[in-house]
């Protein structure tokens, strides 16, 4: 189950290593350090100063610039891979060969072929894997799971998954200001680095092996740099049709505020899940006749949002409302799946469906791109 020797009735902490010490690695380290069942013992980055700075800031004992050396020296149980996706397959192969389980950042790989190889590597090696779909484990994502399991939604008919993005924000400015940024080398460019958070809301419900996908993308911004950044599209609309379930997937860089939500339509109820405001609210029904019936739903809907706000206040007071609470829960569930030999918290089929949909979308919107 875990390597090393634990005394009867006592399980030692999982030894965690992190490869890739960019910005998202800070979030991983902070949530790992909150988990009593694990300890971050080593970090690695090709740039030695990047590994050293995160080790110093978080009090991690060892830092490396050579991944093979870290694996050989540290006897790790889990490796968090927080590098760009071009390296995910190779790093996973090395981690599994060293006996490690893998927690990987999205996107899982450059394409479906590599994603399939990556998961096959983990399964053949008898290890476990999960991917950092952390918003799905935030309170609104968990509330959605609960109403689905209780049958409140009924059969899912249609989904609308939306992600807004601010190109004027720190990451957007860095991306547009650097023609050599690694995102420009991805097959789907900006979309590929963000679209997981749109499609992973859809993949649990739209399980067809080959759904019909129609994608359209364009560049709305007007200011151009006269370099490779000009080829980056910034608006995406996708229609996905399965046998019984359909979906709209939207990525939008220009609408404000930059939202992140899922609207799920069922045969019994419709629900709006907002991952920014952390609300999951069922639509109010008109149950009274005539014009009177139209007076009541706004008040009923407003009260539902007030109750959600009060719940959020309660979580805030209990210190359960921090930004990466979803990542904290996902990490905890993944570590428990290792320690207790249970299935990983995200089905591999969901991950692969996201990867397959992304391949098809990018083949349509960047057709003839010469990538």
Protein backbone atom coordinates (compact mmCIF):
# COMPACT_ATOMS: atom_id res chain seq x y z
CA UNK A 1 0.00 0.00 0.00
CA UNK A 2 2.67 2.49 1.05
CA UNK A 3 6.32 1.72 0.98
CA UNK A 4 8.53 1.55 4.04
CA UNK A 5 7.74 -0.11 7.35
CA UNK A 6 4.94 1.10 9.61
CA UNK A 7 4.51 -0.22 13.11
CA UNK A 8 1.32 -2.18 13.91
CA UNK A 9 -1.58 0.18 14.58
CA UNK A 10 0.40 3.11 13.22
CA UNK A 11 0.78 4.41 9.68
CA UNK A 12 3.68 6.68 8.89
CA UNK A 13 3.09 9.86 6.96
CA UNK A 14 3.16 9.71 3.18
CA UNK A 15 6.37 11.21 1.81
CA UNK A 16 5.53 13.77 -0.87
CA UNK A 17 7.75 15.26 -3.56
CA UNK A 18 6.91 18.07 -5.98
CA UNK A 19 8.39 18.57 -9.43
CA UNK A 20 7.88 21.97 -11.00
CA UNK A 21 8.16 24.99 -8.69
CA UNK A 22 6.12 27.63 -10.50
CA UNK A 23 3.21 29.56 -9.06
CA UNK A 24 0.71 26.68 -8.72
CA UNK A 25 3.26 24.67 -6.72
CA UNK A 26 2.76 27.08 -3.82
CA UNK A 27 -0.88 26.03 -3.61
CA UNK A 28 0.07 22.37 -3.59
CA UNK A 29 2.63 22.81 -0.82
CA UNK A 30 0.28 24.84 1.35
CA UNK A 31 -2.50 22.24 1.13
CA UNK A 32 -0.11 19.30 1.62
CA UNK A 33 1.22 20.92 4.78
CA UNK A 34 -2.33 21.08 6.19
CA UNK A 35 -2.72 17.31 5.81
CA UNK A 36 -1.74 15.33 8.94
CA UNK A 37 -1.21 12.16 6.91
CA UNK A 38 1.50 13.54 4.64
CA UNK A 39 4.72 15.51 4.61
CA UNK A 40 6.30 17.46 1.74
CA UNK A 41 9.93 16.33 1.96
CA UNK A 42 11.45 17.44 -1.36
CA UNK A 43 10.94 19.75 -4.33
CA UNK A 44 12.54 19.78 -7.77
CA UNK A 45 12.86 22.22 -10.66
CA UNK A 46 15.22 22.47 -13.63
CA UNK A 47 16.02 25.98 -12.37
CA UNK A 48 17.84 25.38 -9.04
CA UNK A 49 16.87 28.78 -7.67
CA UNK A 50 13.17 28.00 -8.18
CA UNK A 51 13.46 24.80 -6.16
CA UNK A 52 15.54 26.49 -3.48
CA UNK A 53 13.17 29.43 -2.98
CA UNK A 54 10.09 27.28 -2.44
CA UNK A 55 12.00 24.97 -0.11
CA UNK A 56 13.19 27.91 1.98
CA UNK A 57 9.80 29.61 2.11
CA UNK A 58 7.96 26.47 3.21
CA UNK A 59 10.62 24.82 5.30
CA UNK A 60 11.06 21.79 3.03
CA UNK A 61 14.24 19.87 3.81
CA UNK A 62 15.59 19.01 0.37
CA UNK A 63 15.55 20.61 -3.07
CA UNK A 64 16.84 19.30 -6.39
CA UNK A 65 17.35 20.29 -10.02
CA UNK A 66 17.47 16.65 -11.16
CA UNK A 67 14.22 14.64 -10.94
CA UNK A 68 15.96 11.26 -11.19
CA UNK A 69 18.20 12.20 -8.30
CA UNK A 70 15.25 13.24 -6.14
CA UNK A 71 13.47 9.96 -6.85
CA UNK A 72 16.57 7.94 -6.02
CA UNK A 73 17.30 9.80 -2.79
CA UNK A 74 13.93 10.44 -1.18
CA UNK A 75 11.91 7.17 -1.15
CA UNK A 76 8.76 9.10 -2.08
CA UNK A 77 5.21 7.78 -1.90
CA UNK A 78 3.57 10.48 -4.03
CA UNK A 79 4.87 12.90 -6.65
CA UNK A 80 2.92 16.07 -7.45
CA UNK A 81 3.67 17.03 -11.06
CA UNK A 82 3.21 20.78 -11.48
CA UNK A 83 5.21 21.29 -14.67
CA UNK A 84 3.87 22.24 -18.14
CA UNK A 85 1.99 19.33 -19.78
CA UNK A 86 4.72 18.62 -22.34
CA UNK A 87 6.67 16.84 -19.59
CA UNK A 88 3.84 15.02 -17.78
CA UNK A 89 4.12 11.66 -19.54
CA UNK A 90 7.88 11.28 -19.06
CA UNK A 91 7.78 12.43 -15.44
CA UNK A 92 4.91 10.04 -14.68
CA UNK A 93 6.80 7.14 -16.22
CA UNK A 94 9.80 7.92 -14.02
CA UNK A 95 7.71 8.41 -10.89
CA UNK A 96 5.80 5.14 -11.35
CA UNK A 97 9.04 3.26 -12.05
CA UNK A 98 10.26 4.56 -8.67
CA UNK A 99 7.10 3.23 -7.00
CA UNK A 100 5.29 6.55 -6.62
CA UNK A 101 1.66 7.51 -6.99
CA UNK A 102 1.01 10.63 -9.08
CA UNK A 103 -0.99 13.82 -8.54
CA UNK A 104 -0.80 15.73 -11.82
CA UNK A 105 -1.75 19.26 -12.80
CA UNK A 106 -4.16 19.83 -15.67
CA UNK A 107 -4.03 19.37 -18.60
CA UNK A 108 -2.95 15.80 -18.12
CA UNK A 109 -0.89 15.66 -21.33
CA UNK A 110 -0.45 17.23 -24.75
CA UNK A 111 -3.06 14.99 -26.40
CA UNK A 112 -5.31 11.98 -25.89
CA UNK A 113 -2.63 9.52 -27.05
CA UNK A 114 -0.20 10.65 -24.36
CA UNK A 115 -3.00 10.82 -21.76
CA UNK A 116 -3.89 7.20 -22.51
CA UNK A 117 -0.23 6.17 -22.23
CA UNK A 118 0.10 8.06 -18.96
CA UNK A 119 -2.88 6.36 -17.34
CA UNK A 120 -1.83 2.96 -18.72
CA UNK A 121 1.58 3.51 -17.12
CA UNK A 122 0.00 4.18 -13.74
CA UNK A 123 -2.35 1.19 -13.94
CA UNK A 124 0.32 -1.22 -15.19
CA UNK A 125 2.62 -0.07 -12.38
CA UNK A 126 -0.05 -0.69 -9.73
CA UNK A 127 -0.06 2.97 -8.69
CA UNK A 128 -2.84 5.56 -8.43
CA UNK A 129 -3.30 8.88 -10.18
CA UNK A 130 -5.49 11.93 -9.86
CA UNK A 131 -5.61 15.25 -11.66
CA UNK A 132 -6.03 18.66 -10.07
CA UNK A 133 -9.70 19.28 -10.91
CA UNK A 134 -9.97 21.05 -7.56
CA UNK A 135 -13.00 23.34 -8.18
CA UNK A 136 -15.15 20.20 -8.51
CA UNK A 137 -14.34 19.48 -4.85
CA UNK A 138 -15.15 22.98 -3.58
CA UNK A 139 -18.42 23.29 -1.60
CA UNK A 140 -20.63 24.02 -4.66
CA UNK A 141 -19.17 21.06 -6.53
CA UNK A 142 -19.85 18.80 -3.56
CA UNK A 143 -23.39 20.20 -3.26
CA UNK A 144 -24.00 19.33 -6.91
CA UNK A 145 -22.83 15.76 -6.32
CA UNK A 146 -25.19 15.46 -3.38
CA UNK A 147 -28.30 16.55 -5.30
CA UNK A 148 -27.34 14.28 -8.20
CA UNK A 149 -26.97 11.29 -5.85
CA UNK A 150 -30.32 12.10 -4.20
CA UNK A 151 -32.03 12.20 -7.58
CA UNK A 152 -33.13 15.82 -7.17
CA UNK A 153 -32.00 16.75 -10.70
CA UNK A 154 -33.43 13.61 -12.29
CA UNK A 155 -31.89 12.54 -15.58
CA UNK A 156 -29.46 15.12 -16.95
CA UNK A 157 -30.66 16.57 -20.24
CA UNK A 158 -28.29 19.47 -20.92
CA UNK A 159 -25.34 21.33 -19.38
CA UNK A 160 -23.89 24.80 -19.85
CA UNK A 161 -20.31 25.11 -18.62
CA UNK A 162 -18.71 28.56 -18.66
CA UNK A 163 -15.28 29.91 -17.78
CA UNK A 164 -14.32 33.56 -17.95
CA UNK A 165 -10.71 34.67 -18.20
CA UNK A 166 -9.00 38.03 -17.67
CA UNK A 167 -6.30 38.61 -20.26
CA UNK A 168 -5.35 41.78 -18.39
CA UNK A 169 -4.59 39.74 -15.24
CA UNK A 170 -1.08 38.68 -14.19
CA UNK A 171 -1.07 35.39 -16.12
CA UNK A 172 -2.72 36.91 -19.19
CA UNK A 173 -0.24 39.77 -19.30
CA UNK A 174 2.68 37.36 -18.95
CA UNK A 175 1.29 35.20 -21.76
CA UNK A 176 0.67 38.04 -24.21
CA UNK A 177 3.95 39.74 -23.31
CA UNK A 178 6.17 36.72 -24.01
CA UNK A 179 6.15 35.17 -27.47
CA UNK A 180 8.25 32.29 -26.11
CA UNK A 181 5.86 31.37 -23.28
CA UNK A 182 5.29 27.61 -23.07
CA UNK A 183 1.51 28.02 -23.50
CA UNK A 184 2.06 29.21 -27.10
CA UNK A 185 3.60 25.81 -27.86
CA UNK A 186 0.54 23.85 -26.75
CA UNK A 187 -1.68 22.45 -29.53
CA UNK A 188 -4.64 24.38 -28.10
CA UNK A 189 -2.60 27.32 -26.78
CA UNK A 190 -4.50 29.34 -24.14
CA UNK A 191 -7.58 27.11 -24.42
CA UNK A 192 -5.57 23.98 -23.61
CA UNK A 193 -4.24 25.46 -20.39
CA UNK A 194 -7.71 26.40 -19.15
CA UNK A 195 -10.35 24.28 -20.87
CA UNK A 196 -10.14 21.39 -18.37
CA UNK A 197 -12.13 23.56 -15.96
CA UNK A 198 -14.93 23.78 -18.54
CA UNK A 199 -14.96 20.22 -19.84
CA UNK A 200 -14.41 18.42 -16.53
CA UNK A 201 -17.85 19.67 -15.43
CA UNK A 202 -19.35 17.95 -18.49
CA UNK A 203 -17.42 14.67 -18.70
CA UNK A 204 -19.10 12.93 -15.71
CA UNK A 205 -22.49 13.27 -17.40
CA UNK A 206 -21.75 13.05 -21.12
CA UNK A 207 -20.25 9.58 -21.29
CA UNK A 208 -20.63 8.82 -25.01
CA UNK A 209 -17.41 7.48 -26.49
CA UNK A 210 -17.62 9.72 -29.56
CA UNK A 211 -20.01 12.65 -29.02
CA UNK A 212 -20.65 15.05 -31.88
CA UNK A 213 -18.57 18.20 -31.33
CA UNK A 214 -18.80 21.53 -33.16
CA UNK A 215 -16.30 24.18 -32.08
CA UNK A 216 -15.80 27.80 -33.13
CA UNK A 217 -13.10 30.15 -31.91
CA UNK A 218 -11.90 33.63 -32.78
CA UNK A 219 -9.67 36.47 -31.61
CA UNK A 220 -11.66 39.41 -30.25
CA UNK A 221 -8.85 41.57 -28.91
CA UNK A 222 -7.65 44.30 -31.25
CA UNK A 223 -4.21 45.18 -29.90
CA UNK A 224 -1.63 42.98 -31.61
CA UNK A 225 2.09 42.54 -30.93
CA UNK A 226 3.22 41.53 -34.43
CA UNK A 227 4.65 38.26 -33.14
CA UNK A 228 3.52 34.70 -32.34
CA UNK A 229 1.15 35.93 -29.64
CA UNK A 230 -1.12 37.27 -32.39
CA UNK A 231 -2.06 33.72 -33.35
CA UNK A 232 -3.64 33.09 -29.95
CA UNK A 233 -7.44 32.89 -30.12
CA UNK A 234 -9.26 34.18 -27.04
CA UNK A 235 -12.97 33.29 -27.45
CA UNK A 236 -14.30 29.71 -27.77
CA UNK A 237 -17.80 28.27 -28.20
CA UNK A 238 -18.44 24.52 -28.33
CA UNK A 239 -21.60 22.48 -28.86
CA UNK A 240 -21.38 18.85 -27.73
CA UNK A 241 -24.12 16.32 -28.52
CA UNK A 242 -24.33 12.83 -27.05
CA UNK A 243 -27.13 10.30 -27.43
CA UNK A 244 -29.10 11.57 -24.43
CA UNK A 245 -27.14 14.54 -23.06
CA UNK A 246 -25.99 17.73 -24.77
CA UNK A 247 -23.72 20.52 -23.56
CA UNK A 248 -22.50 24.01 -24.33
CA UNK A 249 -18.89 24.80 -23.37
CA UNK A 250 -17.86 28.46 -23.35
CA UNK A 251 -14.50 30.11 -22.76
CA UNK A 252 -14.68 33.91 -22.75
CA UNK A 253 -11.83 36.39 -22.25
CA UNK A 254 -13.73 39.64 -22.59
CA UNK A 255 -17.04 39.46 -20.67
CA UNK A 256 -17.00 40.89 -17.15
CA UNK A 257 -17.12 39.80 -14.45
CA UNK A 258 -15.09 36.73 -15.41
CA UNK A 259 -17.46 33.98 -14.33
CA UNK A 260 -17.02 30.28 -13.63
CA UNK A 261 -20.27 28.37 -13.49
CA UNK A 262 -22.23 25.31 -14.52
CA UNK A 263 -25.93 25.22 -15.29
CA UNK A 264 -27.35 21.72 -15.29
CA UNK A 265 -30.80 20.95 -16.66
CA UNK A 266 -32.54 17.78 -15.49
CA UNK A 267 -35.88 16.06 -15.95
CA UNK A 268 -36.86 17.10 -12.39
CA UNK A 269 -34.91 20.27 -11.58
CA UNK A 270 -32.42 22.77 -12.92
CA UNK A 271 -29.45 23.95 -10.86
CA UNK A 272 -27.00 26.83 -11.17
CA UNK A 273 -23.56 26.17 -9.65
CA UNK A 274 -21.30 29.21 -9.29
CA UNK A 275 -17.71 28.31 -8.46
CA UNK A 276 -16.67 31.93 -7.85
CA UNK A 277 -19.39 32.89 -5.39
CA UNK A 278 -19.54 29.30 -4.09
CA UNK A 279 -23.27 28.84 -4.48
CA UNK A 280 -25.30 25.88 -5.76
CA UNK A 281 -28.95 26.85 -6.10
CA UNK A 282 -31.94 25.06 -7.60
CA UNK A 283 -34.23 27.18 -9.77
CA UNK A 284 -37.49 28.19 -8.15
CA UNK A 285 -40.68 26.88 -9.76
CA UNK A 286 -43.89 28.74 -10.48
CA UNK A 287 -46.43 26.68 -8.52
CA UNK A 288 -49.22 29.23 -8.04
CA UNK A 289 -51.56 30.18 -10.87
CA UNK A 290 -51.57 33.29 -13.07
CA UNK A 291 -49.78 36.54 -12.23
CA UNK A 292 -49.57 35.71 -8.52
CA UNK A 293 -47.43 32.73 -9.42
CA UNK A 294 -44.93 35.05 -11.05
CA UNK A 295 -44.55 37.13 -7.91
CA UNK A 296 -43.32 34.33 -5.66
CA UNK A 297 -40.31 32.76 -7.52
CA UNK A 298 -38.00 35.81 -7.25
CA UNK A 299 -38.47 35.91 -3.48
CA UNK A 300 -38.08 32.15 -3.21
CA UNK A 301 -34.91 32.27 -5.34
CA UNK A 302 -33.54 35.19 -3.35
CA UNK A 303 -34.04 33.32 -0.09
CA UNK A 304 -32.16 30.33 -1.50
CA UNK A 305 -29.17 32.56 -2.22
CA UNK A 306 -29.38 34.10 1.24
CA UNK A 307 -29.24 30.63 2.79
CA UNK A 308 -26.20 29.83 0.65
CA UNK A 309 -24.55 33.03 1.84
CA UNK A 310 -25.24 32.15 5.47
CA UNK A 311 -23.73 28.69 4.94
CA UNK A 312 -20.64 30.32 3.44
CA UNK A 313 -20.36 32.60 6.47
CA UNK A 314 -20.47 29.51 8.69
CA UNK A 315 -17.70 27.83 6.69
CA UNK A 316 -15.65 31.03 6.85
CA UNK A 317 -15.97 31.11 10.64
CA UNK A 318 -14.88 27.44 10.80
CA UNK A 319 -11.86 28.21 8.58
CA UNK A 320 -13.30 26.05 5.78
CA UNK A 321 -13.65 28.78 3.17
CA UNK A 322 -10.07 29.34 2.01
CA UNK A 323 -9.31 29.68 -1.71
CA UNK A 324 -7.97 26.16 -2.29
CA UNK A 325 -10.42 24.29 -0.05
CA UNK A 326 -11.35 22.13 -3.04
CA UNK A 327 -7.71 21.21 -3.63
CA UNK A 328 -7.34 20.44 0.06
CA UNK A 329 -10.25 18.00 -0.10
CA UNK A 330 -9.07 16.42 -3.36
CA UNK A 331 -5.56 15.90 -1.96
CA UNK A 332 -7.01 14.39 1.21
CA UNK A 333 -9.26 12.01 -0.76
CA UNK A 334 -6.34 10.98 -2.97
CA UNK A 335 -4.04 10.28 -0.05
CA UNK A 336 -6.80 8.30 1.68
CA UNK A 337 -7.29 6.25 -1.49
CA UNK A 338 -3.61 5.31 -1.27
CA UNK A 339 -3.55 4.58 2.45
CA UNK A 340 -6.83 2.63 2.44
CA UNK A 341 -6.43 1.07 -1.04
CA UNK A 342 -9.62 2.63 -2.40
CA UNK A 343 -10.35 3.92 -5.93
CA UNK A 344 -8.86 7.29 -6.80
CA UNK A 345 -11.32 10.20 -6.35
CA UNK A 346 -11.64 11.00 -10.09
CA UNK A 347 -12.46 8.22 -12.53
CA UNK A 348 -9.85 7.78 -15.24
CA UNK A 349 -12.61 7.65 -17.85
CA UNK A 350 -13.60 11.22 -16.98
CA UNK A 351 -10.02 12.40 -17.46
CA UNK A 352 -9.69 10.64 -20.80
CA UNK A 353 -13.01 12.01 -22.08
CA UNK A 354 -11.80 15.54 -21.34
CA UNK A 355 -8.57 14.85 -23.22
CA UNK A 356 -10.40 13.37 -26.23
CA UNK A 357 -12.80 16.33 -26.41
CA UNK A 358 -9.89 18.77 -26.26
CA UNK A 359 -8.15 17.02 -29.16
CA UNK A 360 -11.26 17.32 -31.31
CA UNK A 361 -11.87 20.95 -30.37
CA UNK A 362 -8.30 21.99 -31.15
CA UNK A 363 -8.32 20.10 -34.46
CA UNK A 364 -11.30 22.24 -35.48
CA UNK A 365 -10.34 25.69 -34.19
CA UNK A 366 -6.63 25.51 -35.01
CA UNK A 367 -6.99 23.55 -38.26
CA UNK A 368 -4.04 24.17 -40.56
CA UNK A 369 -2.15 25.95 -37.81
CA UNK A 370 1.05 24.04 -38.57
CA UNK A 371 1.61 23.16 -34.93
